[in-house]
């Protein structure tokens, strides 16, 4: 009888783990989407400014370049790549 109880206990524990893992993955995906869309929005805003004929300041040009690098590196790491370590 105790082996039946242990069996069902193990099933319940595994189901709980799977539920937790699924919720964790869902939260991670949502956080990733928020971060990536924020980066893309800032890139798009600067690109729109350029396309409308306005020149970007040196700071804005640097920011656009860095945002684009950061987005690419983040995408690479999310796909399992190592990204840019910059010697680290």
C-alpha atoms as a PDB file:
ATOM      1  CA  UNK A   1       0.000   0.000   0.000  1.00  0.00           C
ATOM      2  CA  UNK A   2       2.792   2.436   0.838  1.00  0.00           C
ATOM      3  CA  UNK A   3       4.348   1.876  -2.616  1.00  0.00           C
ATOM      4  CA  UNK A   4       1.057   3.001  -4.212  1.00  0.00           C
ATOM      5  CA  UNK A   5       1.037   6.140  -2.065  1.00  0.00           C
ATOM      6  CA  UNK A   6       4.687   6.780  -2.923  1.00  0.00           C
ATOM      7  CA  UNK A   7       3.900   6.284  -6.607  1.00  0.00           C
ATOM      8  CA  UNK A   8       1.095   8.845  -6.579  1.00  0.00           C
ATOM      9  CA  UNK A   9       3.168  11.216  -4.430  1.00  0.00           C
ATOM     10  CA  UNK A  10       5.956  11.068  -7.018  1.00  0.00           C
ATOM     11  CA  UNK A  11       3.461  11.731  -9.806  1.00  0.00           C
ATOM     12  CA  UNK A  12       2.102  14.756  -7.913  1.00  0.00           C
ATOM     13  CA  UNK A  13       5.601  16.082  -7.240  1.00  0.00           C
ATOM     14  CA  UNK A  14       6.587  15.702 -10.901  1.00  0.00           C
ATOM     15  CA  UNK A  15       3.386  17.411 -12.043  1.00  0.00           C
ATOM     16  CA  UNK A  16       4.132  20.298  -9.680  1.00  0.00           C
ATOM     17  CA  UNK A  17       7.670  20.585 -11.043  1.00  0.00           C
ATOM     18  CA  UNK A  18       6.438  20.623 -14.627  1.00  0.00           C
ATOM     19  CA  UNK A  19       3.877  23.298 -13.811  1.00  0.00           C
ATOM     20  CA  UNK A  20       6.529  25.417 -12.093  1.00  0.00           C
ATOM     21  CA  UNK A  21       8.954  24.932 -15.004  1.00  0.00           C
ATOM     22  CA  UNK A  22       6.259  25.896 -17.514  1.00  0.00           C
ATOM     23  CA  UNK A  23       5.372  29.041 -15.568  1.00  0.00           C
ATOM     24  CA  UNK A  24       9.058  29.930 -15.199  1.00  0.00           C
ATOM     25  CA  UNK A  25       9.604  29.490 -18.942  1.00  0.00           C
ATOM     26  CA  UNK A  26       6.525  31.590 -19.692  1.00  0.00           C
ATOM     27  CA  UNK A  27       7.770  34.375 -17.407  1.00  0.00           C
ATOM     28  CA  UNK A  28      11.228  34.231 -18.949  1.00  0.00           C
ATOM     29  CA  UNK A  29       9.759  34.469 -22.442  1.00  0.00           C
ATOM     30  CA  UNK A  30       7.616  37.443 -21.439  1.00  0.00           C
ATOM     31  CA  UNK A  31      10.604  39.215 -19.876  1.00  0.00           C
ATOM     32  CA  UNK A  32      12.640  38.535 -22.998  1.00  0.00           C
ATOM     33  CA  UNK A  33       9.898  39.987 -25.193  1.00  0.00           C
ATOM     34  CA  UNK A  34       9.720  43.114 -23.029  1.00  0.00           C
ATOM     35  CA  UNK A  35      13.484  43.662 -23.196  1.00  0.00           C
ATOM     36  CA  UNK A  36      13.763  43.016 -26.912  1.00  0.00           C
ATOM     37  CA  UNK A  37      10.771  45.205 -27.788  1.00  0.00           C
ATOM     38  CA  UNK A  38      12.182  48.027 -25.641  1.00  0.00           C
ATOM     39  CA  UNK A  39      15.513  47.825 -27.458  1.00  0.00           C
ATOM     40  CA  UNK A  40      13.758  47.717 -30.835  1.00  0.00           C
ATOM     41  CA  UNK A  41      11.508  50.681 -29.980  1.00  0.00           C
ATOM     42  CA  UNK A  42      14.508  52.818 -29.094  1.00  0.00           C
ATOM     43  CA  UNK A  43      16.301  51.772 -32.288  1.00  0.00           C
ATOM     44  CA  UNK A  44      13.171  52.508 -34.332  1.00  0.00           C
ATOM     45  CA  UNK A  45      12.759  55.937 -32.722  1.00  0.00           C
ATOM     46  CA  UNK A  46      16.308  56.929 -33.653  1.00  0.00           C
ATOM     47  CA  UNK A  47      15.954  55.487 -37.162  1.00  0.00           C
ATOM     48  CA  UNK A  48      12.700  57.416 -37.652  1.00  0.00           C
ATOM     49  CA  UNK A  49      14.440  60.610 -36.660  1.00  0.00           C
ATOM     50  CA  UNK A  50      17.136  59.942 -39.261  1.00  0.00           C
ATOM     51  CA  UNK A  51      14.612  59.005 -41.960  1.00  0.00           C
ATOM     52  CA  UNK A  52      12.686  62.218 -41.384  1.00  0.00           C
ATOM     53  CA  UNK A  53      15.770  64.152 -42.433  1.00  0.00           C
ATOM     54  CA  UNK A  54      17.031  65.107 -38.987  1.00  0.00           C
ATOM     55  CA  UNK A  55      20.661  64.476 -38.219  1.00  0.00           C
ATOM     56  CA  UNK A  56      21.514  62.482 -35.150  1.00  0.00           C
ATOM     57  CA  UNK A  57      23.858  64.046 -32.642  1.00  0.00           C
ATOM     58  CA  UNK A  58      27.138  62.275 -31.903  1.00  0.00           C
ATOM     59  CA  UNK A  59      25.578  60.921 -28.717  1.00  0.00           C
ATOM     60  CA  UNK A  60      22.516  59.661 -30.570  1.00  0.00           C
ATOM     61  CA  UNK A  61      24.708  58.022 -33.224  1.00  0.00           C
ATOM     62  CA  UNK A  62      26.696  56.275 -30.496  1.00  0.00           C
ATOM     63  CA  UNK A  63      23.478  55.251 -28.745  1.00  0.00           C
ATOM     64  CA  UNK A  64      21.998  53.836 -31.952  1.00  0.00           C
ATOM     65  CA  UNK A  65      25.156  51.869 -32.627  1.00  0.00           C
ATOM     66  CA  UNK A  66      25.295  50.530 -29.081  1.00  0.00           C
ATOM     67  CA  UNK A  67      21.592  49.644 -28.997  1.00  0.00           C
ATOM     68  CA  UNK A  68      21.971  47.723 -32.250  1.00  0.00           C
ATOM     69  CA  UNK A  69      25.023  45.859 -30.901  1.00  0.00           C
ATOM     70  CA  UNK A  70      23.229  45.108 -27.651  1.00  0.00           C
ATOM     71  CA  UNK A  71      20.169  43.790 -29.476  1.00  0.00           C
ATOM     72  CA  UNK A  72      22.301  41.561 -31.719  1.00  0.00           C
ATOM     73  CA  UNK A  73      24.324  40.248 -28.801  1.00  0.00           C
ATOM     74  CA  UNK A  74      21.185  39.564 -26.778  1.00  0.00           C
ATOM     75  CA  UNK A  75      19.559  37.705 -29.678  1.00  0.00           C
ATOM     76  CA  UNK A  76      22.707  35.650 -30.144  1.00  0.00           C
ATOM     77  CA  UNK A  77      22.879  34.717 -26.471  1.00  0.00           C
ATOM     78  CA  UNK A  78      19.190  33.835 -26.377  1.00  0.00           C
ATOM     79  CA  UNK A  79      19.835  31.432 -29.254  1.00  0.00           C
ATOM     80  CA  UNK A  80      22.599  29.824 -27.194  1.00  0.00           C
ATOM     81  CA  UNK A  81      25.578  31.652 -28.648  1.00  0.00           C
ATOM     82  CA  UNK A  82      28.315  33.205 -26.594  1.00  0.00           C
ATOM     83  CA  UNK A  83      27.847  36.735 -27.904  1.00  0.00           C
ATOM     84  CA  UNK A  84      30.632  39.242 -27.555  1.00  0.00           C
ATOM     85  CA  UNK A  85      32.759  38.663 -24.488  1.00  0.00           C
ATOM     86  CA  UNK A  86      35.038  41.681 -25.035  1.00  0.00           C
ATOM     87  CA  UNK A  87      37.943  39.679 -23.663  1.00  0.00           C
ATOM     88  CA  UNK A  88      36.085  38.515 -20.539  1.00  0.00           C
END
